[in-house]
Amino acid sequence: MNRVTEDSDDSRTIRWKRVRIRCRHRGTREMCMLLQGALGGVGHDDRLLEEFERVLREADQDILDWVFGRSPWPAHYHHVMSLLRREKTLPASQS
């Protein structure tokens, strides 16, 4: 493996570790479980991981409102919100 590939692999590994930690340290156990479960659906998609990182910057209550359909989620979070709603076995369409 060349140095560039090793650096990008290391960077991605660090990002994944940070995201996992941020998923585990939320306000409630339920929120942690929801986020950790949905994180598995991200796979190796860097764009989806980036979107997931942006969602983690949002307040827990806002995320829960979007997941449970109490308010519409921002369009730029569509992919991650679909993962989160699927994790809770809710319909993926917005209410």
C-alpha atoms as a PDB file:
ATOM      1  CA  MET A   1       0.000   0.000   0.000  1.00  0.00           C
ATOM      2  CA  ASN A   2       1.378   3.436  -0.817  1.00  0.00           C
ATOM      3  CA  ARG A   3       1.675   6.302   1.655  1.00  0.00           C
ATOM      4  CA  VAL A   4      -1.281   8.295   0.219  1.00  0.00           C
ATOM      5  CA  THR A   5      -3.622   5.331   0.603  1.00  0.00           C
ATOM      6  CA  GLU A   6      -2.364   4.678   4.145  1.00  0.00           C
ATOM      7  CA  ASP A   7      -2.940   8.325   5.106  1.00  0.00           C
ATOM      8  CA  SER A   8      -6.475   8.344   3.722  1.00  0.00           C
ATOM      9  CA  ASP A   9      -7.243   5.020   5.449  1.00  0.00           C
ATOM     10  CA  ASP A  10      -5.922   6.414   8.741  1.00  0.00           C
ATOM     11  CA  SER A  11      -7.975   9.575   8.315  1.00  0.00           C
ATOM     12  CA  ARG A  12     -11.130   7.583   7.600  1.00  0.00           C
ATOM     13  CA  THR A  13     -10.502   5.330  10.600  1.00  0.00           C
ATOM     14  CA  ILE A  14     -10.136   8.370  12.845  1.00  0.00           C
ATOM     15  CA  ARG A  15     -13.361   9.887  11.454  1.00  0.00           C
ATOM     16  CA  TRP A  16     -15.239   6.628  12.105  1.00  0.00           C
ATOM     17  CA  LYS A  17     -13.932   6.471  15.674  1.00  0.00           C
ATOM     18  CA  ARG A  18     -14.996  10.063  16.313  1.00  0.00           C
ATOM     19  CA  VAL A  19     -18.470   9.448  14.910  1.00  0.00           C
ATOM     20  CA  ARG A  20     -18.901   6.283  16.990  1.00  0.00           C
ATOM     21  CA  ILE A  21     -17.887   8.139  20.137  1.00  0.00           C
ATOM     22  CA  ARG A  22     -20.279  10.990  19.352  1.00  0.00           C
ATOM     23  CA  CYS A  23     -23.084   8.463  18.824  1.00  0.00           C
ATOM     24  CA  ARG A  24     -22.400   6.893  22.225  1.00  0.00           C
ATOM     25  CA  HIS A  25     -22.320  10.141  24.175  1.00  0.00           C
ATOM     26  CA  ARG A  26     -25.680  11.753  23.549  1.00  0.00           C
ATOM     27  CA  GLY A  27     -28.334  12.940  25.990  1.00  0.00           C
ATOM     28  CA  THR A  28     -30.242   9.680  26.360  1.00  0.00           C
ATOM     29  CA  ARG A  29     -29.585   5.977  25.995  1.00  0.00           C
ATOM     30  CA  GLU A  30     -32.351   5.746  23.398  1.00  0.00           C
ATOM     31  CA  MET A  31     -30.716   8.415  21.257  1.00  0.00           C
ATOM     32  CA  CYS A  32     -27.357   6.641  21.516  1.00  0.00           C
ATOM     33  CA  MET A  33     -28.914   3.340  20.466  1.00  0.00           C
ATOM     34  CA  LEU A  34     -30.762   4.947  17.557  1.00  0.00           C
ATOM     35  CA  LEU A  35     -27.650   6.673  16.207  1.00  0.00           C
ATOM     36  CA  GLN A  36     -25.361   3.690  16.688  1.00  0.00           C
ATOM     37  CA  GLY A  37     -27.824   1.410  14.916  1.00  0.00           C
ATOM     38  CA  ALA A  38     -28.162   3.763  11.959  1.00  0.00           C
ATOM     39  CA  LEU A  39     -24.402   4.255  11.719  1.00  0.00           C
ATOM     40  CA  GLY A  40     -24.091   0.649  10.569  1.00  0.00           C
ATOM     41  CA  GLY A  41     -26.041   1.574   7.437  1.00  0.00           C
ATOM     42  CA  VAL A  42     -23.440   4.131   6.388  1.00  0.00           C
ATOM     43  CA  GLY A  43     -21.020   1.445   5.175  1.00  0.00           C
ATOM     44  CA  HIS A  44     -18.038   2.751   3.216  1.00  0.00           C
ATOM     45  CA  ASP A  45     -19.829   5.741   1.718  1.00  0.00           C
ATOM     46  CA  ASP A  46     -17.776   8.837   2.562  1.00  0.00           C
ATOM     47  CA  ARG A  47     -20.532  11.246   1.510  1.00  0.00           C
ATOM     48  CA  LEU A  48     -23.003   9.482   3.776  1.00  0.00           C
ATOM     49  CA  LEU A  49     -20.504   9.544   6.642  1.00  0.00           C
ATOM     50  CA  GLU A  50     -20.090  13.288   6.102  1.00  0.00           C
ATOM     51  CA  GLU A  51     -23.877  13.764   6.184  1.00  0.00           C
ATOM     52  CA  PHE A  52     -24.043  11.666   9.360  1.00  0.00           C
ATOM     53  CA  GLU A  53     -21.388  13.910  10.946  1.00  0.00           C
ATOM     54  CA  ARG A  54     -23.495  16.980  10.118  1.00  0.00           C
ATOM     55  CA  VAL A  55     -26.610  15.394  11.660  1.00  0.00           C
ATOM     56  CA  LEU A  56     -24.624  14.725  14.851  1.00  0.00           C
ATOM     57  CA  ARG A  57     -24.100  18.480  15.197  1.00  0.00           C
ATOM     58  CA  GLU A  58     -27.858  18.933  15.577  1.00  0.00           C
ATOM     59  CA  ALA A  59     -29.698  18.920  18.894  1.00  0.00           C
ATOM     60  CA  ASP A  60     -31.051  15.557  20.039  1.00  0.00           C
ATOM     61  CA  GLN A  61     -34.585  16.914  20.282  1.00  0.00           C
ATOM     62  CA  ASP A  62     -34.500  18.143  16.687  1.00  0.00           C
ATOM     63  CA  ILE A  63     -33.259  14.756  15.472  1.00  0.00           C
ATOM     64  CA  LEU A  64     -35.977  12.955  17.433  1.00  0.00           C
ATOM     65  CA  ASP A  65     -38.649  15.295  16.064  1.00  0.00           C
ATOM     66  CA  TRP A  66     -37.475  14.496  12.530  1.00  0.00           C
ATOM     67  CA  VAL A  67     -37.260  10.744  13.159  1.00  0.00           C
ATOM     68  CA  PHE A  68     -40.723  10.538  14.699  1.00  0.00           C
ATOM     69  CA  GLY A  69     -42.290  12.805  12.088  1.00  0.00           C
ATOM     70  CA  ARG A  70     -43.148  15.664  14.454  1.00  0.00           C
ATOM     71  CA  SER A  71     -41.420  18.081  12.094  1.00  0.00           C
ATOM     72  CA  PRO A  72     -40.007  17.778   8.582  1.00  0.00           C
ATOM     73  CA  TRP A  73     -36.284  17.148   8.349  1.00  0.00           C
ATOM     74  CA  PRO A  74     -33.995  19.352   6.263  1.00  0.00           C
ATOM     75  CA  ALA A  75     -33.688  18.015   2.721  1.00  0.00           C
ATOM     76  CA  HIS A  76     -29.891  17.866   2.937  1.00  0.00           C
ATOM     77  CA  TYR A  77     -30.230  15.168   5.653  1.00  0.00           C
ATOM     78  CA  HIS A  78     -32.472  12.921   3.577  1.00  0.00           C
ATOM     79  CA  HIS A  79     -30.172   9.888   3.380  1.00  0.00           C
ATOM     80  CA  VAL A  80     -29.258   9.777   7.070  1.00  0.00           C
ATOM     81  CA  MET A  81     -32.808  10.481   8.193  1.00  0.00           C
ATOM     82  CA  SER A  82     -33.991   7.572   6.064  1.00  0.00           C
ATOM     83  CA  LEU A  83     -31.444   5.359   7.863  1.00  0.00           C
ATOM     84  CA  LEU A  84     -32.564   6.643  11.258  1.00  0.00           C
ATOM     85  CA  ARG A  85     -36.234   6.103  10.517  1.00  0.00           C
ATOM     86  CA  ARG A  86     -35.524   2.625   9.182  1.00  0.00           C
ATOM     87  CA  GLU A  87     -33.602   1.857  12.369  1.00  0.00           C
ATOM     88  CA  LYS A  88     -36.765   2.598  14.322  1.00  0.00           C
ATOM     89  CA  THR A  89     -38.841   0.636  11.774  1.00  0.00           C
ATOM     90  CA  LEU A  90     -40.825   3.712  10.881  1.00  0.00           C
ATOM     91  CA  PRO A  91     -41.884   4.564   7.347  1.00  0.00           C
ATOM     92  CA  ALA A  92     -39.147   6.452   5.498  1.00  0.00           C
ATOM     93  CA  SER A  93     -41.545   9.052   4.053  1.00  0.00           C
ATOM     94  CA  GLN A  94     -41.971  12.335   5.859  1.00  0.00           C
ATOM     95  CA  SER A  95     -45.201  13.061   7.720  1.00  0.00           C
END
